[in-house]
Amino acid sequence: MIAVTLIDSSAWIHSLRPRGNPEVTERVRFLLETGAAAWCPLIKLELWNGARGEHEKRVLRDMARDLPELDIDRAVWRASYELARKARKSGITVPATDLLIAACARRHGVGIEHDDEHLLTLTAL
């Protein structure tokens, strides 16, 4: 069984853009090639919101067809509230989007591929 990884928009952006970080791009490519890549509705929204040009839109349409989508259900929302509480208690303010993405990964028991300091911080909580 392949371990699924939720790919955050911060990592997708590197792989979609010509000048993206080659190390992040290679990790995303590997996850795609092995069938381990996944996304969630919030990441999909972030990517569509920033899509540039027809090439990126075509890639997003292909991703929508091919990638598994991890649900953001009530349990994910509850987990995001708990993460927010823990972060604030530690003196850390994290964007709501990152809280929800981290909670989604935890709820589904998957890792996150990202290039985002907030998500790195949340994995330690």
N, C-alpha and C. Protein backbone atom coordinates (compact mmCIF):
# COMPACT_ATOMS: atom_id res chain seq x y z
N MET A 1 0.84 -1.19 0.00
CA MET A 1 0.00 0.00 0.00
C MET A 1 0.88 1.26 0.00
N ILE A 2 0.53 2.21 -0.82
CA ILE A 2 1.29 3.44 -0.96
C ILE A 2 0.86 4.43 0.11
N ALA A 3 1.84 5.03 0.78
CA ALA A 3 1.55 6.06 1.78
C ALA A 3 1.20 7.35 1.04
N VAL A 4 0.04 7.87 1.31
CA VAL A 4 -0.44 9.09 0.66
C VAL A 4 0.15 10.31 1.36
N THR A 5 0.43 11.34 0.58
CA THR A 5 0.95 12.59 1.10
C THR A 5 0.09 13.73 0.57
N LEU A 6 -0.38 14.58 1.46
CA LEU A 6 -1.12 15.78 1.08
C LEU A 6 -0.11 16.82 0.62
N ILE A 7 -0.24 17.27 -0.61
CA ILE A 7 0.70 18.25 -1.14
C ILE A 7 0.08 19.64 -0.99
N ASP A 8 0.74 20.46 -0.20
CA ASP A 8 0.28 21.83 0.06
C ASP A 8 0.50 22.69 -1.18
N SER A 9 -0.26 23.75 -1.28
CA SER A 9 -0.12 24.67 -2.42
C SER A 9 1.28 25.26 -2.49
N SER A 10 1.95 25.42 -1.35
CA SER A 10 3.31 25.97 -1.37
C SER A 10 4.26 25.06 -2.15
N ALA A 11 4.03 23.77 -2.12
CA ALA A 11 4.86 22.83 -2.89
C ALA A 11 4.37 22.73 -4.34
N TRP A 12 3.04 22.73 -4.53
CA TRP A 12 2.51 22.67 -5.90
C TRP A 12 3.03 23.84 -6.72
N ILE A 13 3.09 25.01 -6.12
CA ILE A 13 3.52 26.21 -6.85
C ILE A 13 4.92 26.02 -7.41
N HIS A 14 5.82 25.42 -6.62
CA HIS A 14 7.18 25.16 -7.12
C HIS A 14 7.13 24.26 -8.35
N SER A 15 6.26 23.26 -8.32
CA SER A 15 6.23 22.31 -9.43
C SER A 15 5.52 22.86 -10.66
N LEU A 16 4.67 23.87 -10.48
CA LEU A 16 3.93 24.45 -11.61
C LEU A 16 4.67 25.58 -12.30
N ARG A 17 5.62 26.17 -11.62
CA ARG A 17 6.31 27.34 -12.15
C ARG A 17 7.71 26.97 -12.64
N PRO A 18 8.14 27.55 -13.75
CA PRO A 18 9.46 27.22 -14.30
C PRO A 18 10.63 27.50 -13.36
N ARG A 19 10.50 28.51 -12.51
CA ARG A 19 11.60 28.86 -11.61
C ARG A 19 11.38 28.35 -10.18
N GLY A 20 10.55 27.31 -10.05
CA GLY A 20 10.31 26.75 -8.73
C GLY A 20 11.54 26.04 -8.19
N ASN A 21 11.58 25.86 -6.90
CA ASN A 21 12.67 25.16 -6.24
C ASN A 21 12.76 23.74 -6.79
N PRO A 22 13.90 23.38 -7.40
CA PRO A 22 14.00 22.06 -8.03
C PRO A 22 13.89 20.90 -7.05
N GLU A 23 14.33 21.08 -5.80
CA GLU A 23 14.21 20.01 -4.81
C GLU A 23 12.75 19.74 -4.46
N VAL A 24 11.99 20.81 -4.25
CA VAL A 24 10.56 20.65 -3.96
C VAL A 24 9.86 20.07 -5.18
N THR A 25 10.18 20.57 -6.35
CA THR A 25 9.58 20.08 -7.60
C THR A 25 9.84 18.59 -7.76
N GLU A 26 11.03 18.13 -7.46
CA GLU A 26 11.37 16.71 -7.59
C GLU A 26 10.57 15.87 -6.60
N ARG A 27 10.39 16.35 -5.38
CA ARG A 27 9.60 15.61 -4.38
C ARG A 27 8.15 15.49 -4.83
N VAL A 28 7.59 16.58 -5.37
CA VAL A 28 6.21 16.54 -5.88
C VAL A 28 6.12 15.57 -7.05
N ARG A 29 7.06 15.65 -7.96
CA ARG A 29 7.07 14.75 -9.12
C ARG A 29 7.10 13.29 -8.67
N PHE A 30 7.94 12.98 -7.68
CA PHE A 30 8.02 11.62 -7.17
C PHE A 30 6.67 11.16 -6.61
N LEU A 31 6.03 12.02 -5.82
CA LEU A 31 4.73 11.67 -5.24
C LEU A 31 3.69 11.43 -6.33
N LEU A 32 3.73 12.25 -7.37
CA LEU A 32 2.80 12.06 -8.49
C LEU A 32 3.08 10.74 -9.21
N GLU A 33 4.34 10.47 -9.50
CA GLU A 33 4.71 9.27 -10.25
C GLU A 33 4.41 7.98 -9.49
N THR A 34 4.48 8.03 -8.17
CA THR A 34 4.23 6.84 -7.36
C THR A 34 2.77 6.70 -6.95
N GLY A 35 1.94 7.66 -7.32
CA GLY A 35 0.53 7.60 -6.95
C GLY A 35 0.27 7.97 -5.50
N ALA A 36 1.22 8.64 -4.87
CA ALA A 36 1.08 8.98 -3.45
C ALA A 36 0.57 10.40 -3.22
N ALA A 37 0.39 11.18 -4.27
CA ALA A 37 -0.02 12.59 -4.13
C ALA A 37 -1.52 12.70 -3.89
N ALA A 38 -1.90 13.64 -3.01
CA ALA A 38 -3.30 13.95 -2.76
C ALA A 38 -3.42 15.45 -2.51
N TRP A 39 -4.65 15.93 -2.58
CA TRP A 39 -4.93 17.31 -2.22
C TRP A 39 -6.26 17.36 -1.50
N CYS A 40 -6.66 18.52 -1.05
CA CYS A 40 -7.93 18.70 -0.36
C CYS A 40 -8.62 19.92 -0.97
N PRO A 41 -9.90 20.13 -0.66
CA PRO A 41 -10.63 21.25 -1.28
C PRO A 41 -9.98 22.61 -1.06
N LEU A 42 -9.40 22.85 0.09
CA LEU A 42 -8.78 24.15 0.36
C LEU A 42 -7.55 24.37 -0.52
N ILE A 43 -6.74 23.34 -0.67
CA ILE A 43 -5.56 23.46 -1.53
C ILE A 43 -6.00 23.65 -2.98
N LYS A 44 -7.01 22.94 -3.38
CA LYS A 44 -7.54 23.10 -4.74
C LYS A 44 -7.99 24.55 -4.96
N LEU A 45 -8.68 25.12 -3.99
CA LEU A 45 -9.13 26.51 -4.09
C LEU A 45 -7.95 27.46 -4.18
N GLU A 46 -6.95 27.27 -3.33
CA GLU A 46 -5.77 28.13 -3.36
C GLU A 46 -5.09 28.08 -4.73
N LEU A 47 -4.98 26.90 -5.29
CA LEU A 47 -4.32 26.76 -6.59
C LEU A 47 -5.14 27.39 -7.71
N TRP A 48 -6.44 27.15 -7.73
CA TRP A 48 -7.29 27.77 -8.76
C TRP A 48 -7.28 29.29 -8.63
N ASN A 49 -7.24 29.78 -7.41
CA ASN A 49 -7.22 31.22 -7.17
C ASN A 49 -5.96 31.87 -7.75
N GLY A 50 -4.85 31.14 -7.75
CA GLY A 50 -3.60 31.71 -8.24
C GLY A 50 -3.18 31.22 -9.62
N ALA A 51 -4.04 30.42 -10.27
CA ALA A 51 -3.66 29.84 -11.57
C ALA A 51 -3.39 30.94 -12.59
N ARG A 52 -2.27 30.78 -13.28
CA ARG A 52 -1.88 31.71 -14.34
C ARG A 52 -1.86 30.98 -15.67
N GLY A 53 -2.56 31.48 -16.60
CA GLY A 53 -2.47 30.96 -17.96
C GLY A 53 -3.15 29.62 -18.16
N GLU A 54 -3.29 29.27 -19.40
CA GLU A 54 -4.00 28.05 -19.79
C GLU A 54 -3.23 26.79 -19.37
N HIS A 55 -1.91 26.84 -19.42
CA HIS A 55 -1.14 25.65 -19.02
C HIS A 55 -1.45 25.25 -17.58
N GLU A 56 -1.38 26.20 -16.66
CA GLU A 56 -1.64 25.89 -15.25
C GLU A 56 -3.09 25.44 -15.05
N LYS A 57 -4.02 26.04 -15.75
CA LYS A 57 -5.42 25.62 -15.62
C LYS A 57 -5.61 24.21 -16.15
N ARG A 58 -4.92 23.85 -17.22
CA ARG A 58 -5.01 22.50 -17.76
C ARG A 58 -4.43 21.49 -16.76
N VAL A 59 -3.31 21.85 -16.15
CA VAL A 59 -2.71 20.98 -15.13
C VAL A 59 -3.68 20.79 -13.97
N LEU A 60 -4.33 21.84 -13.54
CA LEU A 60 -5.29 21.73 -12.43
C LEU A 60 -6.49 20.87 -12.81
N ARG A 61 -6.95 20.98 -14.03
CA ARG A 61 -8.06 20.11 -14.47
C ARG A 61 -7.62 18.65 -14.47
N ASP A 62 -6.40 18.39 -14.92
CA ASP A 62 -5.88 17.02 -14.90
C ASP A 62 -5.75 16.52 -13.46
N MET A 63 -5.28 17.38 -12.58
CA MET A 63 -5.15 16.99 -11.18
C MET A 63 -6.51 16.66 -10.58
N ALA A 64 -7.53 17.44 -10.91
CA ALA A 64 -8.87 17.20 -10.39
C ALA A 64 -9.38 15.83 -10.84
N ARG A 65 -8.99 15.44 -12.02
CA ARG A 65 -9.42 14.14 -12.55
C ARG A 65 -8.63 12.99 -11.91
N ASP A 66 -7.34 13.21 -11.63
CA ASP A 66 -6.45 12.11 -11.26
C ASP A 66 -6.14 11.97 -9.77
N LEU A 67 -6.17 13.07 -9.03
CA LEU A 67 -5.73 13.02 -7.63
C LEU A 67 -6.84 12.66 -6.67
N PRO A 68 -6.51 11.86 -5.65
CA PRO A 68 -7.49 11.67 -4.59
C PRO A 68 -7.63 12.97 -3.79
N GLU A 69 -8.84 13.22 -3.35
CA GLU A 69 -9.12 14.43 -2.57
C GLU A 69 -9.50 14.03 -1.15
N LEU A 70 -8.77 14.56 -0.19
CA LEU A 70 -9.05 14.27 1.22
C LEU A 70 -10.14 15.23 1.70
N ASP A 71 -11.18 14.66 2.28
CA ASP A 71 -12.31 15.47 2.73
C ASP A 71 -11.94 16.39 3.89
N ILE A 72 -12.60 17.52 3.91
CA ILE A 72 -12.55 18.41 5.08
C ILE A 72 -13.92 18.31 5.72
N ASP A 73 -14.00 17.43 6.71
CA ASP A 73 -15.27 17.18 7.39
C ASP A 73 -15.28 17.85 8.76
N ARG A 74 -16.31 17.58 9.53
CA ARG A 74 -16.41 18.20 10.86
C ARG A 74 -15.24 17.85 11.76
N ALA A 75 -14.74 16.63 11.63
CA ALA A 75 -13.60 16.23 12.46
C ALA A 75 -12.36 17.06 12.11
N VAL A 76 -12.19 17.38 10.83
CA VAL A 76 -11.06 18.22 10.42
C VAL A 76 -11.22 19.62 11.02
N TRP A 77 -12.44 20.16 10.95
CA TRP A 77 -12.67 21.48 11.54
C TRP A 77 -12.37 21.47 13.04
N ARG A 78 -12.84 20.45 13.74
CA ARG A 78 -12.58 20.37 15.19
C ARG A 78 -11.08 20.28 15.46
N ALA A 79 -10.37 19.48 14.67
CA ALA A 79 -8.93 19.35 14.85
C ALA A 79 -8.22 20.68 14.57
N SER A 80 -8.73 21.45 13.62
CA SER A 80 -8.11 22.75 13.32
C SER A 80 -8.31 23.72 14.48
N TYR A 81 -9.47 23.65 15.15
CA TYR A 81 -9.69 24.51 16.31
C TYR A 81 -8.69 24.16 17.41
N GLU A 82 -8.47 22.86 17.61
CA GLU A 82 -7.53 22.41 18.64
C GLU A 82 -6.10 22.83 18.30
N LEU A 83 -5.72 22.71 17.04
CA LEU A 83 -4.40 23.18 16.62
C LEU A 83 -4.24 24.68 16.85
N ALA A 84 -5.28 25.44 16.54
CA ALA A 84 -5.24 26.89 16.74
C ALA A 84 -5.04 27.21 18.22
N ARG A 85 -5.75 26.49 19.07
CA ARG A 85 -5.62 26.71 20.51
C ARG A 85 -4.20 26.40 20.98
N LYS A 86 -3.65 25.28 20.53
CA LYS A 86 -2.29 24.90 20.92
C LYS A 86 -1.27 25.92 20.40
N ALA A 87 -1.46 26.36 19.18
CA ALA A 87 -0.53 27.33 18.60
C ALA A 87 -0.55 28.63 19.40
N ARG A 88 -1.74 29.14 19.68
CA ARG A 88 -1.85 30.40 20.44
C ARG A 88 -1.27 30.25 21.83
N LYS A 89 -1.51 29.10 22.46
CA LYS A 89 -0.97 28.85 23.79
C LYS A 89 0.55 28.87 23.76
N SER A 90 1.13 28.48 22.63
CA SER A 90 2.59 28.49 22.45
C SER A 90 3.09 29.84 21.96
N GLY A 91 2.17 30.81 21.81
CA GLY A 91 2.56 32.14 21.36
C GLY A 91 2.73 32.26 19.85
N ILE A 92 2.15 31.34 19.12
CA ILE A 92 2.28 31.30 17.67
C ILE A 92 0.95 31.63 17.01
N THR A 93 0.99 32.53 16.04
CA THR A 93 -0.20 32.82 15.25
C THR A 93 -0.01 32.18 13.88
N VAL A 94 -0.96 31.36 13.49
CA VAL A 94 -0.87 30.62 12.22
C VAL A 94 -2.10 30.96 11.38
N PRO A 95 -1.91 31.18 10.08
CA PRO A 95 -3.07 31.44 9.22
C PRO A 95 -4.08 30.29 9.29
N ALA A 96 -5.34 30.64 9.25
CA ALA A 96 -6.42 29.64 9.33
C ALA A 96 -6.29 28.59 8.24
N THR A 97 -5.85 28.98 7.06
CA THR A 97 -5.71 28.01 5.97
C THR A 97 -4.69 26.93 6.34
N ASP A 98 -3.59 27.31 6.93
CA ASP A 98 -2.57 26.33 7.32
C ASP A 98 -3.07 25.44 8.45
N LEU A 99 -3.83 26.00 9.37
CA LEU A 99 -4.41 25.19 10.44
C LEU A 99 -5.33 24.12 9.87
N LEU A 100 -6.14 24.50 8.91
CA LEU A 100 -7.09 23.56 8.31
C LEU A 100 -6.36 22.49 7.50
N ILE A 101 -5.33 22.86 6.77
CA ILE A 101 -4.58 21.90 5.97
C ILE A 101 -3.85 20.91 6.88
N ALA A 102 -3.21 21.41 7.93
CA ALA A 102 -2.53 20.52 8.87
C ALA A 102 -3.51 19.58 9.56
N ALA A 103 -4.67 20.11 9.93
CA ALA A 103 -5.69 19.28 10.57
C ALA A 103 -6.22 18.22 9.60
N CYS A 104 -6.35 18.56 8.35
CA CYS A 104 -6.81 17.61 7.33
C CYS A 104 -5.81 16.46 7.22
N ALA A 105 -4.54 16.78 7.16
CA ALA A 105 -3.52 15.73 7.07
C ALA A 105 -3.56 14.83 8.31
N ARG A 106 -3.67 15.43 9.48
CA ARG A 106 -3.72 14.64 10.71
C ARG A 106 -4.95 13.74 10.73
N ARG A 107 -6.08 14.29 10.37
CA ARG A 107 -7.34 13.53 10.38
C ARG A 107 -7.27 12.31 9.48
N HIS A 108 -6.61 12.47 8.34
CA HIS A 108 -6.53 11.37 7.37
C HIS A 108 -5.27 10.52 7.55
N GLY A 109 -4.44 10.90 8.53
CA GLY A 109 -3.25 10.11 8.83
C GLY A 109 -2.21 10.12 7.72
N VAL A 110 -2.03 11.27 7.09
CA VAL A 110 -1.07 11.39 5.99
C VAL A 110 -0.05 12.47 6.29
N GLY A 111 1.07 12.42 5.60
CA GLY A 111 2.08 13.45 5.71
C GLY A 111 1.74 14.63 4.82
N ILE A 112 2.51 15.70 4.96
CA ILE A 112 2.32 16.90 4.14
C ILE A 112 3.63 17.23 3.45
N GLU A 113 3.58 17.41 2.15
CA GLU A 113 4.72 17.96 1.40
C GLU A 113 4.45 19.45 1.29
N HIS A 114 5.40 20.28 1.73
CA HIS A 114 5.17 21.72 1.74
C HIS A 114 6.48 22.48 1.70
N ASP A 115 6.37 23.76 1.52
CA ASP A 115 7.48 24.69 1.64
C ASP A 115 6.94 25.89 2.41
N ASP A 116 6.50 25.64 3.64
CA ASP A 116 5.76 26.63 4.43
C ASP A 116 6.18 26.51 5.89
N GLU A 117 6.73 27.59 6.42
CA GLU A 117 7.20 27.58 7.81
C GLU A 117 6.06 27.33 8.81
N HIS A 118 4.86 27.82 8.51
CA HIS A 118 3.74 27.61 9.43
C HIS A 118 3.41 26.12 9.55
N LEU A 119 3.42 25.41 8.43
CA LEU A 119 3.13 23.99 8.48
C LEU A 119 4.23 23.23 9.19
N LEU A 120 5.46 23.68 9.04
CA LEU A 120 6.55 23.07 9.77
C LEU A 120 6.36 23.25 11.27
N THR A 121 5.95 24.44 11.68
CA THR A 121 5.68 24.72 13.09
C THR A 121 4.55 23.85 13.62
N LEU A 122 3.49 23.68 12.83
CA LEU A 122 2.33 22.90 13.29
C LEU A 122 2.66 21.44 13.47
N THR A 123 3.59 20.91 12.70
CA THR A 123 3.92 19.48 12.87
C THR A 123 4.57 19.22 14.23
N ALA A 124 5.13 20.26 14.83
CA ALA A 124 5.76 20.11 16.14
C ALA A 124 4.76 20.20 17.29
N LEU A 125 3.55 20.65 17.02
CA LEU A 125 2.54 20.80 18.09
C LEU A 125 1.80 19.50 18.35
